[in-house]
Amino acid sequence: MLLTSDHTEIVLFSAKVPGYWAKQLSDEQEFFLSTQVHSYKKGDHVKVEGPFGNAFASVYRDETGVYLSAYRQGIPTAIIVVWKMAEYKVQKDAQPTSKKDNR
């Protein structure tokens, strides 16, 4: 996955949830990666492990500085609760190799 934001947050059930926005390189699907880890930045390639689900979250967009309600728009947010997250360096042949591991 490619991180498309620096560390940010969303709101679920009136609670702020920290993490990152990311997209899959294969199909461009966007996910919110729920994690307390702060060691990554926008543009990093990562591999994550953890459960996946959808929720109607209020999404904070750094570029506008505004929370948008996914419930009002009828679009659920795809969320991965990160158990393991590792940064990968993408090589020319598109086969990632492990660079560091945060558990």
C-alpha atoms as a PDB file:
ATOM      1  CA  MET A   1       0.000   0.000   0.000  1.00  0.00           C
ATOM      2  CA  LEU A   2       1.035   3.578  -0.624  1.00  0.00           C
ATOM      3  CA  LEU A   3       0.485   6.074   2.202  1.00  0.00           C
ATOM      4  CA  THR A   4      -1.432   9.041   0.806  1.00  0.00           C
ATOM      5  CA  SER A   5      -1.317  11.105   4.015  1.00  0.00           C
ATOM      6  CA  ASP A   6       0.918  11.840   6.938  1.00  0.00           C
ATOM      7  CA  HIS A   7      -0.354  10.709  10.364  1.00  0.00           C
ATOM      8  CA  THR A   8      -3.940  12.002  10.709  1.00  0.00           C
ATOM      9  CA  GLU A   9      -7.281  10.937  12.228  1.00  0.00           C
ATOM     10  CA  ILE A  10     -10.928  10.069  11.612  1.00  0.00           C
ATOM     11  CA  VAL A  11     -13.859  10.114  14.034  1.00  0.00           C
ATOM     12  CA  LEU A  12     -15.910   6.988  14.816  1.00  0.00           C
ATOM     13  CA  PHE A  13     -18.739   7.133  17.353  1.00  0.00           C
ATOM     14  CA  SER A  14     -17.441  10.457  18.753  1.00  0.00           C
ATOM     15  CA  ALA A  15     -13.914   9.058  19.286  1.00  0.00           C
ATOM     16  CA  LYS A  16     -10.841  10.218  17.383  1.00  0.00           C
ATOM     17  CA  VAL A  17      -9.009   7.337  15.673  1.00  0.00           C
ATOM     18  CA  PRO A  18      -5.370   7.984  14.625  1.00  0.00           C
ATOM     19  CA  GLY A  19      -3.764   6.521  11.537  1.00  0.00           C
ATOM     20  CA  TYR A  20      -2.953   7.044   7.862  1.00  0.00           C
ATOM     21  CA  TRP A  21      -4.767   7.121   4.538  1.00  0.00           C
ATOM     22  CA  ALA A  22      -3.428   4.595   2.052  1.00  0.00           C
ATOM     23  CA  LYS A  23      -4.335   3.065  -1.282  1.00  0.00           C
ATOM     24  CA  GLN A  24      -3.634  -0.266  -2.869  1.00  0.00           C
ATOM     25  CA  LEU A  25      -1.380   0.030  -5.878  1.00  0.00           C
ATOM     26  CA  SER A  26      -3.243  -2.710  -7.738  1.00  0.00           C
ATOM     27  CA  ASP A  27      -6.715  -1.138  -7.833  1.00  0.00           C
ATOM     28  CA  GLU A  28      -6.360   2.308  -6.202  1.00  0.00           C
ATOM     29  CA  GLN A  29      -8.864   1.404  -3.436  1.00  0.00           C
ATOM     30  CA  GLU A  30      -8.511   3.806  -0.495  1.00  0.00           C
ATOM     31  CA  PHE A  31      -8.227   2.598   3.109  1.00  0.00           C
ATOM     32  CA  PHE A  32      -7.782   4.188   6.506  1.00  0.00           C
ATOM     33  CA  LEU A  33      -5.048   2.372   8.453  1.00  0.00           C
ATOM     34  CA  SER A  34      -5.892   2.659  12.150  1.00  0.00           C
ATOM     35  CA  THR A  35      -2.615   2.768  14.101  1.00  0.00           C
ATOM     36  CA  GLN A  36      -0.842   4.724  16.853  1.00  0.00           C
ATOM     37  CA  VAL A  37       2.500   4.403  15.000  1.00  0.00           C
ATOM     38  CA  HIS A  38       3.877   7.799  13.890  1.00  0.00           C
ATOM     39  CA  SER A  39       7.070   6.683  12.111  1.00  0.00           C
ATOM     40  CA  TYR A  40       5.798   6.819   8.517  1.00  0.00           C
ATOM     41  CA  LYS A  41       5.089   9.669   6.124  1.00  0.00           C
ATOM     42  CA  LYS A  42       3.078  10.371   2.994  1.00  0.00           C
ATOM     43  CA  GLY A  43       4.579   8.510   0.026  1.00  0.00           C
ATOM     44  CA  ASP A  44       5.936   5.541   2.014  1.00  0.00           C
ATOM     45  CA  HIS A  45       5.077   2.042   0.811  1.00  0.00           C
ATOM     46  CA  VAL A  46       3.880  -0.243   3.607  1.00  0.00           C
ATOM     47  CA  LYS A  47       2.604  -3.740   4.166  1.00  0.00           C
ATOM     48  CA  VAL A  48      -0.013  -4.147   6.908  1.00  0.00           C
ATOM     49  CA  GLU A  49      -1.710  -6.997   8.729  1.00  0.00           C
ATOM     50  CA  GLY A  50      -4.955  -6.751  10.662  1.00  0.00           C
ATOM     51  CA  PRO A  51      -8.728  -7.015  10.437  1.00  0.00           C
ATOM     52  CA  PHE A  52     -10.667  -5.068   7.812  1.00  0.00           C
ATOM     53  CA  GLY A  53     -14.130  -3.552   7.916  1.00  0.00           C
ATOM     54  CA  ASN A  54     -16.283  -0.638   6.813  1.00  0.00           C
ATOM     55  CA  ALA A  55     -17.720   2.143   8.987  1.00  0.00           C
ATOM     56  CA  PHE A  56     -19.426   5.468   8.503  1.00  0.00           C
ATOM     57  CA  ALA A  57     -16.764   7.789   9.886  1.00  0.00           C
ATOM     58  CA  SER A  58     -16.320  11.524   9.960  1.00  0.00           C
ATOM     59  CA  VAL A  59     -13.191  12.020   7.922  1.00  0.00           C
ATOM     60  CA  TYR A  60     -10.735  14.841   8.546  1.00  0.00           C
ATOM     61  CA  ARG A  61      -9.171  16.025   5.312  1.00  0.00           C
ATOM     62  CA  ASP A  62      -5.841  17.778   5.865  1.00  0.00           C
ATOM     63  CA  GLU A  63      -6.061  19.636   2.564  1.00  0.00           C
ATOM     64  CA  THR A  64      -9.335  21.371   3.564  1.00  0.00           C
ATOM     65  CA  GLY A  65      -9.093  21.300   7.368  1.00  0.00           C
ATOM     66  CA  VAL A  66     -12.701  20.055   7.583  1.00  0.00           C
ATOM     67  CA  TYR A  67     -14.384  16.886   8.889  1.00  0.00           C
ATOM     68  CA  LEU A  68     -16.727  15.317   6.295  1.00  0.00           C
ATOM     69  CA  SER A  69     -19.445  12.903   7.370  1.00  0.00           C
ATOM     70  CA  ALA A  70     -19.383   9.685   5.328  1.00  0.00           C
ATOM     71  CA  TYR A  71     -22.815   8.819   6.755  1.00  0.00           C
ATOM     72  CA  ARG A  72     -24.393  11.867   5.126  1.00  0.00           C
ATOM     73  CA  GLN A  73     -22.722  11.000   1.827  1.00  0.00           C
ATOM     74  CA  GLY A  74     -23.727   7.331   2.114  1.00  0.00           C
ATOM     75  CA  ILE A  75     -20.147   6.198   1.527  1.00  0.00           C
ATOM     76  CA  PRO A  76     -18.575   3.946   4.177  1.00  0.00           C
ATOM     77  CA  THR A  77     -14.887   4.269   5.023  1.00  0.00           C
ATOM     78  CA  ALA A  78     -12.778   1.136   4.511  1.00  0.00           C
ATOM     79  CA  ILE A  79     -10.723   0.670   7.686  1.00  0.00           C
ATOM     80  CA  ILE A  80      -7.879  -1.721   8.539  1.00  0.00           C
ATOM     81  CA  VAL A  81      -7.040  -2.027  12.243  1.00  0.00           C
ATOM     82  CA  VAL A  82      -3.290  -2.466  11.982  1.00  0.00           C
ATOM     83  CA  TRP A  83      -1.661  -5.239  14.016  1.00  0.00           C
ATOM     84  CA  LYS A  84       1.631  -5.203  12.105  1.00  0.00           C
ATOM     85  CA  MET A  85       3.014  -2.536   9.793  1.00  0.00           C
ATOM     86  CA  ALA A  86       6.266  -2.687   7.853  1.00  0.00           C
ATOM     87  CA  GLU A  87       7.759  -0.225   5.389  1.00  0.00           C
ATOM     88  CA  TYR A  88       8.754  -1.591   1.995  1.00  0.00           C
ATOM     89  CA  LYS A  89      11.045  -0.250  -0.664  1.00  0.00           C
ATOM     90  CA  VAL A  90       9.438  -0.778  -4.067  1.00  0.00           C
ATOM     91  CA  GLN A  91      11.987  -1.845  -6.666  1.00  0.00           C
ATOM     92  CA  LYS A  92      11.798  -1.441 -10.437  1.00  0.00           C
ATOM     93  CA  ASP A  93      10.348  -4.938 -10.890  1.00  0.00           C
ATOM     94  CA  ALA A  94       7.538  -3.977  -8.418  1.00  0.00           C
ATOM     95  CA  GLN A  95       8.545  -6.683  -5.923  1.00  0.00           C
ATOM     96  CA  PRO A  96       8.770  -5.042  -2.466  1.00  0.00           C
ATOM     97  CA  THR A  97      11.563  -5.834  -0.040  1.00  0.00           C
ATOM     98  CA  SER A  98      11.339  -5.302   3.702  1.00  0.00           C
ATOM     99  CA  LYS A  99      13.123  -2.236   5.031  1.00  0.00           C
ATOM    100  CA  LYS A 100      11.945  -1.914   8.654  1.00  0.00           C
ATOM    101  CA  ASP A 101       9.405  -3.557  10.906  1.00  0.00           C
ATOM    102  CA  ASN A 102       7.258  -1.815  13.569  1.00  0.00           C
ATOM    103  CA  ARG A 103       5.267  -4.074  15.845  1.00  0.00           C
END
